[in-house]
N, C-alpha and C. Protein backbone atom coordinates (compact mmCIF):
# COMPACT_ATOMS: atom_id res chain seq x y z
N UNK A 1 -1.49 -1.28 -9.64
CA UNK A 1 -0.53 -0.79 -8.67
C UNK A 1 0.86 -0.87 -9.28
N UNK A 2 1.77 -0.10 -8.71
CA UNK A 2 3.12 -0.06 -9.26
C UNK A 2 4.17 -0.12 -8.16
N UNK A 3 5.23 -0.78 -8.48
CA UNK A 3 6.41 -0.86 -7.62
C UNK A 3 7.39 0.16 -8.15
N UNK A 4 8.08 0.86 -7.30
CA UNK A 4 8.94 1.93 -7.78
C UNK A 4 10.36 1.78 -7.24
N UNK A 5 11.13 0.78 -7.72
CA UNK A 5 12.52 0.67 -7.29
C UNK A 5 13.42 1.48 -8.20
N UNK A 6 14.41 2.13 -7.62
CA UNK A 6 15.41 2.85 -8.43
C UNK A 6 14.77 3.80 -9.44
N UNK A 7 13.72 4.51 -9.05
CA UNK A 7 13.03 5.48 -9.91
C UNK A 7 12.43 4.86 -11.16
N UNK A 8 12.13 3.58 -11.15
CA UNK A 8 11.46 2.92 -12.27
C UNK A 8 10.07 2.49 -11.80
N UNK A 9 9.11 2.59 -12.69
CA UNK A 9 7.77 2.10 -12.37
C UNK A 9 7.60 0.73 -13.00
N UNK A 10 7.30 -0.24 -12.19
CA UNK A 10 7.09 -1.60 -12.67
C UNK A 10 5.74 -2.09 -12.17
N UNK A 11 4.98 -2.68 -13.05
CA UNK A 11 3.70 -3.23 -12.65
C UNK A 11 3.95 -4.51 -11.86
N UNK A 12 3.23 -4.69 -10.76
CA UNK A 12 3.36 -5.92 -10.01
C UNK A 12 2.04 -6.25 -9.35
N UNK A 13 1.91 -7.47 -8.97
CA UNK A 13 0.69 -7.93 -8.34
C UNK A 13 0.73 -7.60 -6.85
N UNK A 14 -0.29 -6.94 -6.38
CA UNK A 14 -0.38 -6.59 -4.97
C UNK A 14 -1.75 -7.02 -4.47
N UNK A 15 -1.83 -7.32 -3.22
CA UNK A 15 -3.09 -7.73 -2.65
C UNK A 15 -3.52 -6.66 -1.66
N UNK A 16 -4.75 -6.23 -1.77
CA UNK A 16 -5.31 -5.29 -0.81
C UNK A 16 -6.44 -5.99 -0.06
N UNK A 17 -6.39 -5.93 1.24
CA UNK A 17 -7.39 -6.58 2.05
C UNK A 17 -8.01 -5.55 2.97
N UNK A 18 -9.30 -5.33 2.83
CA UNK A 18 -9.99 -4.43 3.75
C UNK A 18 -10.09 -5.12 5.09
N UNK A 19 -9.45 -4.55 6.08
CA UNK A 19 -9.42 -5.18 7.39
C UNK A 19 -10.63 -4.79 8.24
N UNK A 20 -10.98 -3.50 8.18
CA UNK A 20 -11.97 -3.04 9.14
C UNK A 20 -12.50 -1.67 8.72
N UNK A 21 -13.80 -1.48 8.86
CA UNK A 21 -14.38 -0.14 8.68
C UNK A 21 -14.71 0.37 10.07
N UNK A 22 -14.20 1.54 10.38
CA UNK A 22 -14.42 2.11 11.71
C UNK A 22 -15.83 2.66 11.84
N UNK A 23 -16.45 2.42 12.97
CA UNK A 23 -17.80 2.94 13.22
C UNK A 23 -17.78 4.41 13.60
N UNK A 24 -16.69 4.84 14.24
CA UNK A 24 -16.61 6.21 14.73
C UNK A 24 -16.20 7.21 13.65
N UNK A 25 -15.62 6.74 12.55
CA UNK A 25 -15.15 7.60 11.47
C UNK A 25 -15.43 6.93 10.13
N UNK A 26 -15.56 7.71 9.06
CA UNK A 26 -15.75 7.10 7.73
C UNK A 26 -14.42 6.65 7.13
N UNK A 27 -13.77 5.73 7.83
CA UNK A 27 -12.42 5.27 7.45
C UNK A 27 -12.42 3.75 7.34
N UNK A 28 -11.69 3.26 6.35
CA UNK A 28 -11.44 1.83 6.23
C UNK A 28 -9.95 1.59 6.41
N UNK A 29 -9.59 0.57 7.14
CA UNK A 29 -8.19 0.19 7.30
C UNK A 29 -7.89 -0.85 6.23
N UNK A 30 -7.00 -0.51 5.30
CA UNK A 30 -6.69 -1.37 4.17
C UNK A 30 -5.24 -1.82 4.26
N UNK A 31 -5.02 -3.12 4.18
CA UNK A 31 -3.67 -3.67 4.24
C UNK A 31 -3.23 -4.05 2.83
N UNK A 32 -2.06 -3.55 2.45
CA UNK A 32 -1.44 -3.88 1.17
C UNK A 32 -0.24 -4.76 1.47
N UNK A 33 -0.06 -5.81 0.68
CA UNK A 33 1.10 -6.67 0.89
C UNK A 33 1.71 -7.05 -0.45
N UNK A 34 3.01 -7.33 -0.40
CA UNK A 34 3.75 -7.73 -1.59
C UNK A 34 4.76 -8.80 -1.19
N UNK A 35 4.72 -9.92 -1.90
CA UNK A 35 5.73 -10.95 -1.66
C UNK A 35 6.47 -11.17 -2.96
N UNK A 36 7.72 -10.88 -2.94
CA UNK A 36 8.57 -11.01 -4.12
C UNK A 36 9.94 -10.48 -3.78
N UNK A 37 10.83 -10.58 -4.73
CA UNK A 37 12.19 -10.12 -4.48
C UNK A 37 12.26 -8.61 -4.63
N UNK A 38 12.68 -7.94 -3.58
CA UNK A 38 12.84 -6.49 -3.59
C UNK A 38 13.60 -6.09 -2.34
N UNK A 39 14.30 -4.98 -2.43
CA UNK A 39 14.96 -4.44 -1.24
C UNK A 39 14.04 -3.46 -0.53
N UNK A 40 13.33 -2.65 -1.31
CA UNK A 40 12.40 -1.65 -0.77
C UNK A 40 11.13 -1.68 -1.61
N UNK A 41 10.00 -1.51 -0.95
CA UNK A 41 8.72 -1.46 -1.64
C UNK A 41 7.93 -0.29 -1.07
N UNK A 42 7.28 0.46 -1.96
CA UNK A 42 6.41 1.56 -1.53
C UNK A 42 5.15 1.51 -2.37
N UNK A 43 4.05 1.94 -1.78
CA UNK A 43 2.82 2.03 -2.55
C UNK A 43 2.55 3.52 -2.79
N UNK A 44 2.21 3.84 -4.02
CA UNK A 44 1.93 5.22 -4.36
C UNK A 44 0.56 5.29 -5.03
N UNK A 45 -0.09 6.42 -4.86
CA UNK A 45 -1.40 6.63 -5.46
C UNK A 45 -1.88 8.03 -5.16
N UNK A 46 -3.08 8.32 -5.63
CA UNK A 46 -3.61 9.65 -5.38
C UNK A 46 -3.90 9.89 -3.90
N UNK A 47 -4.02 8.81 -3.12
CA UNK A 47 -4.28 8.94 -1.68
C UNK A 47 -3.07 9.45 -0.90
N UNK A 48 -1.87 9.40 -1.50
CA UNK A 48 -0.68 9.93 -0.82
C UNK A 48 0.12 10.88 -1.71
N UNK A 49 -0.57 11.47 -2.69
CA UNK A 49 0.08 12.46 -3.55
C UNK A 49 1.14 11.88 -4.47
N UNK A 50 1.05 10.57 -4.74
CA UNK A 50 2.02 9.88 -5.61
C UNK A 50 3.45 10.02 -5.09
N UNK A 51 3.58 10.16 -3.78
CA UNK A 51 4.88 10.35 -3.14
C UNK A 51 5.48 8.98 -2.78
N UNK A 52 6.56 8.61 -3.44
CA UNK A 52 7.17 7.29 -3.24
C UNK A 52 7.72 7.11 -1.82
N UNK A 53 7.95 8.19 -1.10
CA UNK A 53 8.47 8.09 0.26
C UNK A 53 7.37 8.14 1.32
N UNK A 54 6.14 8.37 0.92
CA UNK A 54 5.06 8.56 1.88
C UNK A 54 4.56 7.25 2.51
N UNK A 55 4.59 6.15 1.76
CA UNK A 55 4.00 4.90 2.25
C UNK A 55 4.89 3.69 1.96
N UNK A 56 6.04 3.61 2.62
CA UNK A 56 6.89 2.44 2.41
C UNK A 56 6.31 1.23 3.13
N UNK A 57 6.39 0.07 2.51
CA UNK A 57 5.96 -1.16 3.14
C UNK A 57 7.12 -1.69 3.98
N UNK A 58 6.78 -2.32 5.09
CA UNK A 58 7.82 -2.88 5.97
C UNK A 58 7.90 -4.39 5.74
N UNK A 59 9.12 -4.88 5.67
CA UNK A 59 9.34 -6.30 5.44
C UNK A 59 9.26 -7.06 6.76
N UNK A 60 8.39 -8.06 6.79
CA UNK A 60 8.22 -8.88 7.98
C UNK A 60 9.21 -10.03 8.02
N UNK A 61 9.21 -10.75 9.12
CA UNK A 61 10.10 -11.91 9.28
C UNK A 61 9.83 -12.98 8.23
N UNK A 62 8.60 -13.00 7.71
CA UNK A 62 8.24 -13.98 6.70
C UNK A 62 8.64 -13.54 5.28
N UNK A 63 9.26 -12.36 5.18
CA UNK A 63 9.72 -11.87 3.89
C UNK A 63 8.67 -11.10 3.10
N UNK A 64 7.46 -10.96 3.65
CA UNK A 64 6.38 -10.25 2.98
C UNK A 64 6.39 -8.78 3.42
N UNK A 65 6.30 -7.89 2.44
CA UNK A 65 6.21 -6.46 2.71
C UNK A 65 4.75 -6.11 2.95
N UNK A 66 4.46 -5.30 4.00
CA UNK A 66 3.08 -4.93 4.32
C UNK A 66 2.99 -3.50 4.83
N UNK A 67 1.81 -2.92 4.61
CA UNK A 67 1.46 -1.64 5.21
C UNK A 67 -0.06 -1.60 5.35
N UNK A 68 -0.55 -0.97 6.41
CA UNK A 68 -1.97 -0.75 6.60
C UNK A 68 -2.21 0.75 6.55
N UNK A 69 -3.11 1.16 5.66
CA UNK A 69 -3.43 2.57 5.48
C UNK A 69 -4.88 2.83 5.87
N UNK A 70 -5.13 4.03 6.37
CA UNK A 70 -6.49 4.48 6.64
C UNK A 70 -6.97 5.25 5.41
N UNK A 71 -8.00 4.72 4.75
CA UNK A 71 -8.55 5.36 3.55
C UNK A 71 -10.02 5.66 3.78
N UNK A 72 -10.46 6.79 3.26
CA UNK A 72 -11.86 7.18 3.41
C UNK A 72 -12.77 6.17 2.71
N UNK A 73 -13.85 5.80 3.38
CA UNK A 73 -14.79 4.87 2.77
C UNK A 73 -15.58 5.56 1.67
N UNK A 74 -16.01 4.79 0.71
CA UNK A 74 -16.82 5.33 -0.39
C UNK A 74 -16.00 6.00 -1.48
N UNK A 75 -14.68 6.02 -1.34
CA UNK A 75 -13.83 6.67 -2.33
C UNK A 75 -13.29 5.68 -3.35
N UNK A 76 -12.84 6.22 -4.45
CA UNK A 76 -12.13 5.43 -5.46
C UNK A 76 -10.73 5.98 -5.55
N UNK A 77 -9.75 5.09 -5.64
CA UNK A 77 -8.36 5.51 -5.60
C UNK A 77 -7.60 4.95 -6.79
N UNK A 78 -6.63 5.72 -7.26
CA UNK A 78 -5.74 5.28 -8.32
C UNK A 78 -4.37 5.04 -7.73
């Protein structure tokens, strides 16, 4: 995974936790989180067209940035 501050790509450690697979749809709810020093964090990949503005993480009161995405089950993502 990559962090993209100020148009730079930096490798960083991110945690992805599969929260839930929906029974009604072939979707998994995946939560990505990042704890570290940053003003803005976004996750990019083939699932959002590598668009840095498509999936910004929100900073919680605990200082951890998080986002939950719906991703198709059975897929592989970059």
